[in-house]
């Protein structure tokens, strides 16, 4: 492991009523101790998990629009509202890694195309499977990133990577995570809604639906309970959902 603790610098906050400090999980955050090479952030939309993940990317020196420390494309909305208010504790500190934002991955792929066109003497596609990410399906481009760009001695921050992945591809991502962390040389922090990804053995799961943020087991997550309940009693769920 590299990143050991995430702390909120409350003494720097001047107005706790402003976003993102108004988010309940963020408002009561003190620190999060990371205990595994694989940590999942779970919670409803708007619970603060992606906001914190983005702040971590900012502190790591990654492009918060998505990418690594050497990717300089910009998005108008790519600003970290929390980045200057957290402290990361490392042992040791590393600068290698990648921040995947599913919502802005298209822009990242476009950035690679532009750089390849402007600087044809360099191989910008090599670390991504040897071809434009736009020439692959959404899911294929994600998997190409995982298989070709990700390597050891790095930290990877993934924001809802399942957005473009079929269940089979999600299993492939689990294998990528396993291969990169089995010798303790890489670390993953993943914000997700996927009960498949959350099933990774011995991963730490941080629940943003509680205030303060708390650890939770896989079987205690809504993702597991609702998915299992629906699969086991689909007719009952739909009858209750559609009743007038």
Foldseek 3Di string as FASTA:
>chain_A
DWWFKKAFQVVVDDDCCDPPSVQQQNVQGGMDGFDDLEEEEEEDPPLCPLLVLLLVCVVLCQQSLWFFNPQDDDDPPSDRPRNVGMDIDTDHRDNDEIEADLVNVVVVLVSLVVVCVVCVVDQSCQQQQRDRLVVDASLSSLLSNLVRNDAFQEEYEYEASCPRHDLVSLVVSLVSVCVRPVVPGYGYYYYHLALSNLPNPPYWYWYSNDRHIDTDHSCPDPSNVVVVVCVVCVVVVVCVVPPD
